[in-house]
Amino acid sequence: MKFAFITSIVPDGNPSSGFEIANDAIINALRAMGHDVTIFGFRLPRQGEIADQNCIVLDVRELENVTASISQKLRWLVRSMTFGLPYAAGKLKSFSAGDLQRLLITNGPFDATILNSYQMPLAFPQLCKRPYIYVAHNVEHRTAAQNALHAGSVIERFLFRRDAELLQVKEPELCANAGYVWTFSEDDLNGLDIEPDRGCVLPLVAPMRRQASEPTKPTYDIGLIGTWSWQANLAGLSWFLEEVVPQLAPERTIAVAGSVPDRFAPSHPNVALLGRVDSASQFLDSVRVVPLISQGGTGVQLKTIEAFQTGHACVATSSSLRGIDVLPENCIGADDAKAFAAALDQLVEQSLAGRLNPVDGTAFFNLQFTALRKGIQAGVNAL
């Protein structure tokens, strides 16, 4: 089949966020199964030129809150309020719907459309007139409501609450009108009230990478990497730094990779904020233990998938383990801050003593990938 994969941000071949990794997994699996996939979406200024010849870049635009100016955020807000759209969908509304339609016609015809999350179909509702599969990365209205609880300002709280109210109406409509729905966890499939014959769970995989021939000597005891501009991720980071870190052994060294909002300044002397790093995999190889710190949200945690595939030792909250049935032997589950800190200390001590070896994640990857292809085939069959 020939698919139009329509997304807010196009993949650039170097996925770093969970959203990007999930998109790559679906696109790569579809193509590996022999389907023709053309991608439509926006390119961020931080992304390089897109090498994929079957990727149509609608425009180069700043869409990330963390790098946007105050004036740009105000324009997004006005546009969202004017059209009655969630904030993230309002960011896209200034692009011409007619131009999008012409590009789809020029590069088609397509047998079906894959609408990747809610932003594009809500900004351009004509997309829903074609047969489509809807990719639900989260139960978005629940995620927005949870983000409102952790919001850092009155304005953020208002925006998240507004998004939650709008999405509580619009999200079920996107699912009801879809030919099929893909989610990333069983909880989300149930939370969106999707019948078994109309949707399924896609177990995700992260890109497999070649293991280093020689083990990397750890630079830090504990290391986290993430897209901390996202409110759900920032809530987890706040919990970790404020409640877990003070209970760790005082000699522990902790590194946080990824862009952190300027207002965020941890007080603990052993915490290093590294900002964006050149290689996520090299950074993870430089730490002894990886905390998986999700404190809510929906969907599956891609950082958990990456940790399990690469075999890194980790401590994970139950929220980080959504959709995971079996834990590797070097992963400890803990939700209480004191228990979480104790588990981190335990694994770090084992590493220092040479008694903590990485686990081979190949079997986990193969199991996930086989189930991913099965779920994709179910969606294709439904259409």
Protein backbone atom coordinates (compact mmCIF):
# COMPACT_ATOMS: atom_id res chain seq x y z
CA MET A 1 0.00 0.00 0.00
CA LYS A 2 0.98 3.62 -0.46
CA PHE A 3 0.69 5.68 2.73
CA ALA A 4 0.87 9.40 3.46
CA PHE A 5 2.41 9.68 6.94
CA ILE A 6 1.36 13.11 8.22
CA THR A 7 3.12 14.46 11.30
CA SER A 8 3.89 17.80 12.92
CA ILE A 9 7.69 17.28 12.89
CA VAL A 10 9.44 15.19 10.23
CA PRO A 11 12.06 12.63 11.28
CA ASP A 12 15.63 13.66 10.45
CA GLY A 13 17.36 10.30 10.82
CA ASN A 14 18.74 11.14 14.26
CA PRO A 15 15.84 10.56 16.68
CA SER A 16 16.33 11.84 20.21
CA SER A 17 12.89 12.29 21.78
CA GLY A 18 10.40 9.53 22.46
CA PHE A 19 8.05 11.03 19.86
CA GLU A 20 10.77 10.87 17.19
CA ILE A 21 11.84 7.32 18.08
CA ALA A 22 8.24 6.09 17.92
CA ASN A 23 7.75 7.69 14.50
CA ASP A 24 10.93 6.13 13.15
CA ALA A 25 9.91 2.71 14.44
CA ILE A 26 6.55 2.83 12.63
CA ILE A 27 7.91 4.23 9.37
CA ASN A 28 10.85 1.83 9.23
CA ALA A 29 8.66 -1.19 9.99
CA LEU A 30 6.13 -0.22 7.30
CA ARG A 31 8.89 0.14 4.73
CA ALA A 32 10.54 -3.11 5.80
CA MET A 33 7.19 -4.80 5.16
CA GLY A 34 7.18 -3.50 1.58
CA HIS A 35 4.87 -0.49 1.91
CA ASP A 36 5.49 2.87 0.23
CA VAL A 37 5.53 5.67 2.85
CA THR A 38 5.75 9.40 2.04
CA ILE A 39 6.18 11.69 5.05
CA PHE A 40 4.65 15.18 5.28
CA GLY A 41 5.46 17.64 8.07
CA PHE A 42 7.52 20.57 9.31
CA ARG A 43 11.27 20.68 9.88
CA LEU A 44 12.65 22.35 13.00
CA PRO A 45 15.52 24.86 12.59
CA ARG A 46 17.73 22.63 14.79
CA GLN A 47 17.25 19.71 12.42
CA GLY A 48 19.62 19.18 9.54
CA GLU A 49 18.61 18.70 5.92
CA ILE A 50 16.35 15.69 5.51
CA ALA A 51 18.04 12.92 3.57
CA ASP A 52 14.86 10.85 3.12
CA GLN A 53 13.81 11.32 -0.52
CA ASN A 54 10.23 10.42 0.38
CA CYS A 55 9.87 13.21 2.94
CA ILE A 56 8.00 16.39 1.97
CA VAL A 57 8.99 19.31 4.22
CA LEU A 58 6.06 21.73 4.38
CA ASP A 59 8.15 24.51 5.91
CA VAL A 60 11.04 25.13 8.32
CA ARG A 61 9.49 26.40 11.56
CA GLU A 62 10.28 26.80 15.23
CA LEU A 63 7.69 24.69 17.06
CA GLU A 64 9.43 24.01 20.39
CA ASN A 65 8.47 26.11 23.40
CA VAL A 66 11.94 25.96 24.94
CA THR A 67 13.54 27.88 22.04
CA ALA A 68 10.63 30.12 21.02
CA SER A 69 10.53 33.83 21.83
CA ILE A 70 7.85 35.40 24.02
CA SER A 71 6.32 37.11 20.99
CA GLN A 72 6.17 33.80 19.11
CA LYS A 73 4.45 32.09 22.04
CA LEU A 74 1.89 34.91 22.15
CA ARG A 75 1.18 34.50 18.43
CA TRP A 76 0.65 30.77 18.97
CA LEU A 77 -1.72 31.50 21.84
CA VAL A 78 -3.77 34.00 19.83
CA ARG A 79 -4.01 31.59 16.91
CA SER A 80 -5.08 28.73 19.19
CA MET A 81 -7.75 30.87 20.84
CA THR A 82 -8.99 32.20 17.50
CA PHE A 83 -9.53 28.77 15.97
CA GLY A 84 -10.52 26.96 19.18
CA LEU A 85 -7.57 24.59 18.95
CA PRO A 86 -5.20 23.02 21.46
CA TYR A 87 -2.00 25.03 21.77
CA ALA A 88 0.22 22.60 19.82
CA ALA A 89 -2.28 22.42 16.94
CA GLY A 90 -2.63 26.20 16.84
CA LYS A 91 1.10 26.50 16.11
CA LEU A 92 0.54 24.87 12.70
CA LYS A 93 -2.60 26.71 11.64
CA SER A 94 -0.84 29.52 9.74
CA PHE A 95 0.27 27.08 7.03
CA SER A 96 -2.01 27.08 4.01
CA ALA A 97 -4.51 24.22 3.98
CA GLY A 98 -4.69 24.61 0.20
CA ASP A 99 -0.92 24.17 -0.14
CA LEU A 100 -1.06 21.03 1.98
CA GLN A 101 -3.85 19.63 -0.17
CA ARG A 102 -1.92 20.37 -3.38
CA LEU A 103 1.17 18.62 -2.04
CA LEU A 104 -0.86 15.54 -1.15
CA ILE A 105 -2.39 15.45 -4.63
CA THR A 106 0.95 16.04 -6.36
CA ASN A 107 2.70 13.25 -4.47
CA GLY A 108 -0.23 10.85 -4.51
CA PRO A 109 -2.51 9.14 -4.98
CA PHE A 110 -2.37 7.40 -1.61
CA ASP A 111 -4.26 4.32 -0.52
CA ALA A 112 -4.55 5.64 3.03
CA THR A 113 -3.25 8.24 5.45
CA ILE A 114 -1.51 7.78 8.79
CA LEU A 115 -2.28 10.72 11.06
CA ASN A 116 0.51 10.88 13.61
CA SER A 117 -0.92 12.33 16.83
CA TYR A 118 -3.55 15.07 17.05
CA GLN A 119 -1.75 18.25 15.97
CA MET A 120 -2.03 18.00 12.18
CA PRO A 121 -5.58 16.56 11.91
CA LEU A 122 -6.96 19.19 14.29
CA ALA A 123 -5.15 22.03 12.48
CA PHE A 124 -6.21 20.65 9.08
CA PRO A 125 -9.50 18.74 9.54
CA GLN A 126 -9.76 17.99 5.81
CA LEU A 127 -7.13 15.30 6.45
CA CYS A 128 -9.79 13.27 8.25
CA LYS A 129 -11.87 12.98 5.07
CA ARG A 130 -9.43 10.36 3.74
CA PRO A 131 -9.29 6.80 5.12
CA TYR A 132 -6.76 6.98 7.96
CA ILE A 133 -4.98 5.19 10.76
CA TYR A 134 -4.65 7.33 13.87
CA VAL A 135 -1.47 7.06 15.95
CA ALA A 136 -2.29 7.87 19.58
CA HIS A 137 1.03 8.59 21.28
CA ASN A 138 -0.82 9.22 24.56
CA VAL A 139 -4.29 9.69 25.96
CA GLU A 140 -3.73 13.36 25.29
CA HIS A 141 -6.50 14.89 27.39
CA ARG A 142 -5.29 12.95 30.46
CA THR A 143 -1.70 13.97 29.83
CA ALA A 144 -2.71 17.63 29.53
CA ALA A 145 -4.71 17.44 32.77
CA GLN A 146 -1.72 15.89 34.59
CA ASN A 147 0.59 18.53 33.15
CA ALA A 148 -1.70 21.22 34.55
CA LEU A 149 -1.17 19.82 38.04
CA HIS A 150 2.62 20.19 37.66
CA ALA A 151 2.60 23.49 35.75
CA GLY A 152 5.18 26.06 36.83
CA SER A 153 3.02 29.15 36.29
CA VAL A 154 -0.60 30.31 36.20
CA ILE A 155 -0.41 30.77 32.41
CA GLU A 156 0.92 27.23 31.86
CA ARG A 157 -1.76 25.83 34.14
CA PHE A 158 -4.46 27.66 32.16
CA LEU A 159 -3.09 26.41 28.82
CA PHE A 160 -2.88 22.79 29.93
CA ARG A 161 -6.38 22.87 31.44
CA ARG A 162 -7.72 24.42 28.25
CA ASP A 163 -5.98 21.73 26.16
CA ALA A 164 -7.42 19.02 28.39
CA GLU A 165 -10.97 20.33 27.92
CA LEU A 166 -10.63 20.64 24.13
CA LEU A 167 -8.95 17.26 23.71
CA GLN A 168 -11.54 15.50 25.84
CA VAL A 169 -13.98 16.30 23.00
CA LYS A 170 -11.73 16.17 19.93
CA GLU A 171 -9.59 13.12 20.78
CA PRO A 172 -12.52 10.64 20.84
CA GLU A 173 -13.67 12.06 17.49
CA LEU A 174 -10.28 11.38 15.90
CA CYS A 175 -10.40 7.81 17.17
CA ALA A 176 -14.04 7.21 16.22
CA ASN A 177 -13.51 8.39 12.64
CA ALA A 178 -10.31 6.40 12.12
CA GLY A 179 -10.24 3.14 10.22
CA TYR A 180 -7.83 1.85 12.87
CA VAL A 181 -6.00 3.18 15.94
CA TRP A 182 -2.48 2.39 17.09
CA THR A 183 -1.51 3.07 20.70
CA PHE A 184 1.71 2.25 22.56
CA SER A 185 0.24 0.74 25.73
CA GLU A 186 -2.74 -1.37 26.73
CA ASP A 187 -3.78 1.32 29.22
CA ASP A 188 -4.07 3.84 26.39
CA LEU A 189 -6.10 1.45 24.23
CA ASN A 190 -8.55 1.07 27.11
CA GLY A 191 -8.37 4.76 28.03
CA LEU A 192 -9.43 5.73 24.51
CA ASP A 193 -12.20 3.10 24.56
CA ILE A 194 -10.93 1.37 21.40
CA GLU A 195 -12.65 -1.93 20.57
CA PRO A 196 -10.30 -4.89 19.88
CA ASP A 197 -11.20 -4.98 16.17
CA ARG A 198 -10.53 -1.25 15.70
CA GLY A 199 -7.10 -0.86 17.24
CA CYS A 200 -4.09 -2.49 18.86
CA VAL A 201 -0.92 -1.80 20.82
CA LEU A 202 2.38 -1.33 18.97
CA PRO A 203 5.30 -2.50 21.14
CA LEU A 204 8.09 -0.07 20.27
CA VAL A 205 11.77 -0.42 19.56
CA ALA A 206 14.58 2.12 19.59
CA PRO A 207 17.33 2.06 16.95
CA MET A 208 19.79 -0.72 17.73
CA ARG A 209 23.39 0.42 17.92
CA ARG A 210 26.66 -1.42 17.76
CA GLN A 211 28.17 -2.11 21.14
CA ALA A 212 31.57 -0.60 21.80
CA SER A 213 34.45 -3.08 21.48
CA GLU A 214 35.91 -1.83 24.75
CA PRO A 215 33.80 -0.87 27.79
CA THR A 216 33.65 2.86 28.45
CA LYS A 217 34.97 3.93 31.84
CA PRO A 218 32.04 5.63 33.61
CA THR A 219 32.32 9.38 34.14
CA TYR A 220 29.24 9.68 36.36
CA ASP A 221 27.54 7.35 38.82
CA ILE A 222 24.03 8.29 37.71
CA GLY A 223 22.88 9.84 34.44
CA LEU A 224 19.60 11.01 32.94
CA ILE A 225 18.83 12.23 29.43
CA GLY A 226 15.58 13.60 28.10
CA THR A 227 13.56 16.37 26.48
CA TRP A 228 13.06 18.37 29.66
CA SER A 229 11.08 21.15 27.98
CA TRP A 230 8.09 18.76 27.98
CA GLN A 231 6.09 19.30 31.14
CA ALA A 232 5.58 15.60 31.91
CA ASN A 233 9.34 14.96 31.69
CA LEU A 234 10.15 18.06 33.75
CA ALA A 235 7.80 16.87 36.50
CA GLY A 236 9.81 13.65 36.76
CA LEU A 237 13.10 15.52 36.77
CA SER A 238 11.85 17.85 39.51
CA TRP A 239 10.81 14.87 41.64
CA PHE A 240 14.19 13.20 41.14
CA LEU A 241 16.31 16.26 41.97
CA GLU A 242 14.18 17.51 44.86
CA GLU A 243 13.20 14.24 46.55
CA VAL A 244 15.56 11.47 45.42
CA VAL A 245 18.96 13.18 45.12
CA PRO A 246 19.06 14.46 48.74
CA GLN A 247 18.69 10.85 49.93
CA LEU A 248 21.57 9.48 47.84
CA ALA A 249 25.00 8.81 49.29
CA PRO A 250 26.76 12.22 49.30
CA GLU A 251 29.62 11.07 47.09
CA ARG A 252 27.35 10.17 44.15
CA THR A 253 27.94 12.11 40.93
CA ILE A 254 24.87 12.86 38.80
CA ALA A 255 24.62 14.19 35.23
CA VAL A 256 21.54 15.51 33.43
CA ALA A 257 21.78 15.66 29.64
CA GLY A 258 19.26 17.54 27.51
CA SER A 259 18.02 21.12 27.46
CA VAL A 260 16.65 22.23 30.82
CA PRO A 261 14.57 25.43 31.21
CA ASP A 262 16.60 28.41 32.42
CA ARG A 263 14.62 28.73 35.63
CA PHE A 264 15.70 25.24 36.64
CA ALA A 265 18.75 25.27 38.90
CA PRO A 266 19.34 22.25 41.17
CA SER A 267 20.98 23.09 44.48
CA HIS A 268 22.86 19.82 44.94
CA PRO A 269 26.61 20.32 44.29
CA ASN A 270 27.09 16.92 42.64
CA VAL A 271 24.51 17.52 39.88
CA ALA A 272 25.91 18.59 36.49
CA LEU A 273 23.54 20.04 33.87
CA LEU A 274 25.20 19.19 30.55
CA GLY A 275 22.62 20.57 28.12
CA ARG A 276 22.20 18.93 24.72
CA VAL A 277 24.87 16.28 24.08
CA ASP A 278 26.23 15.17 20.71
CA SER A 279 25.52 11.50 21.27
CA ALA A 280 22.86 10.12 23.61
CA SER A 281 24.33 6.62 23.39
CA GLN A 282 27.84 7.82 24.29
CA PHE A 283 26.43 9.74 27.24
CA LEU A 284 24.55 6.68 28.54
CA ASP A 285 27.70 4.59 28.17
CA SER A 286 29.46 7.07 30.46
CA VAL A 287 27.13 6.47 33.44
CA ARG A 288 26.81 3.51 35.80
CA VAL A 289 23.05 3.59 36.41
CA VAL A 290 20.12 5.21 34.57
CA PRO A 291 17.10 6.45 36.60
CA LEU A 292 13.76 6.13 34.77
CA ILE A 293 11.76 8.76 36.58
CA SER A 294 8.35 9.24 34.94
CA GLN A 295 5.75 10.55 37.38
CA GLY A 296 2.65 10.28 35.25
CA GLY A 297 1.44 10.73 31.72
CA THR A 298 0.22 8.06 29.34
CA GLY A 299 1.72 6.09 26.49
CA VAL A 300 4.96 4.14 26.77
CA GLN A 301 8.29 5.52 27.97
CA LEU A 302 10.82 5.29 25.12
CA LYS A 303 13.70 5.89 27.54
CA THR A 304 12.71 2.62 29.19
CA ILE A 305 12.77 0.82 25.84
CA GLU A 306 16.23 2.25 25.10
CA ALA A 307 17.60 1.25 28.49
CA PHE A 308 16.31 -2.31 28.15
CA GLN A 309 17.63 -2.69 24.60
CA THR A 310 21.09 -1.42 25.48
CA GLY A 311 21.23 -3.40 28.72
CA HIS A 312 21.95 -0.43 31.01
CA ALA A 313 21.34 -0.92 34.71
CA CYS A 314 18.37 1.18 35.80
CA VAL A 315 15.88 2.01 38.54
CA ALA A 316 12.37 2.69 37.27
CA THR A 317 9.09 4.04 38.61
CA SER A 318 5.92 2.13 37.82
CA SER A 319 4.92 4.94 35.45
CA SER A 320 8.15 4.35 33.52
CA LEU A 321 7.26 0.67 33.16
CA ARG A 322 3.89 1.11 31.42
CA GLY A 323 3.48 -1.59 28.80
CA ILE A 324 6.46 -3.62 30.10
CA ASP A 325 5.67 -7.11 31.40
CA VAL A 326 9.10 -8.49 32.32
CA LEU A 327 11.99 -6.55 33.91
CA PRO A 328 15.64 -7.28 33.08
CA GLU A 329 17.70 -8.60 35.97
CA ASN A 330 19.60 -5.29 36.29
CA CYS A 331 16.44 -3.15 36.66
CA ILE A 332 14.81 -2.39 40.02
CA GLY A 333 11.31 -0.96 40.32
CA ALA A 334 10.64 1.72 42.97
CA ASP A 335 8.14 4.56 43.39
CA ASP A 336 8.92 5.93 46.84
CA ALA A 337 11.76 8.49 46.73
CA LYS A 338 13.63 6.83 49.60
CA ALA A 339 13.37 3.37 48.04
CA PHE A 340 14.36 4.80 44.64
CA ALA A 341 17.50 6.38 46.12
CA ALA A 342 18.38 3.18 47.97
CA ALA A 343 18.07 1.15 44.77
CA LEU A 344 20.31 3.60 42.89
CA ASP A 345 22.93 3.41 45.64
CA GLN A 346 22.74 -0.39 45.58
CA LEU A 347 23.35 -0.61 41.83
CA VAL A 348 26.12 2.00 41.89
CA GLU A 349 27.92 0.07 44.65
CA GLN A 350 27.60 -3.14 42.63
CA SER A 351 29.07 -1.35 39.62
CA LEU A 352 31.98 0.07 41.61
CA ALA A 353 32.70 -3.43 42.90
CA GLY A 354 32.67 -4.85 39.37
CA ARG A 355 29.59 -6.96 40.04
CA LEU A 356 27.14 -5.18 37.72
CA ASN A 357 27.40 -6.14 34.06
CA PRO A 358 25.20 -4.92 31.18
CA VAL A 359 22.43 -7.26 30.08
CA ASP A 360 22.18 -8.33 26.42
CA GLY A 361 19.08 -6.54 25.13
CA THR A 362 18.90 -8.39 21.80
CA ALA A 363 16.18 -10.78 22.92
CA PHE A 364 14.06 -7.87 24.21
CA PHE A 365 14.50 -6.03 20.88
CA ASN A 366 13.55 -9.07 18.81
CA LEU A 367 10.45 -9.72 20.89
CA GLN A 368 9.34 -6.09 20.59
CA PHE A 369 10.06 -5.87 16.86
CA THR A 370 8.13 -9.04 16.04
CA ALA A 371 5.10 -7.76 17.95
CA LEU A 372 5.45 -4.32 16.34
CA ARG A 373 5.22 -5.78 12.83
CA LYS A 374 2.23 -7.89 13.87
CA GLY A 375 0.40 -4.80 15.12
CA ILE A 376 1.20 -2.83 11.98
CA GLN A 377 -0.08 -5.67 9.82
CA ALA A 378 -3.33 -5.67 11.79
CA GLY A 379 -3.83 -2.00 10.95
CA VAL A 380 -3.04 -2.50 7.28
CA ASN A 381 -5.47 -5.45 7.12
CA ALA A 382 -8.21 -3.36 8.70
CA LEU A 383 -7.90 -0.77 5.94
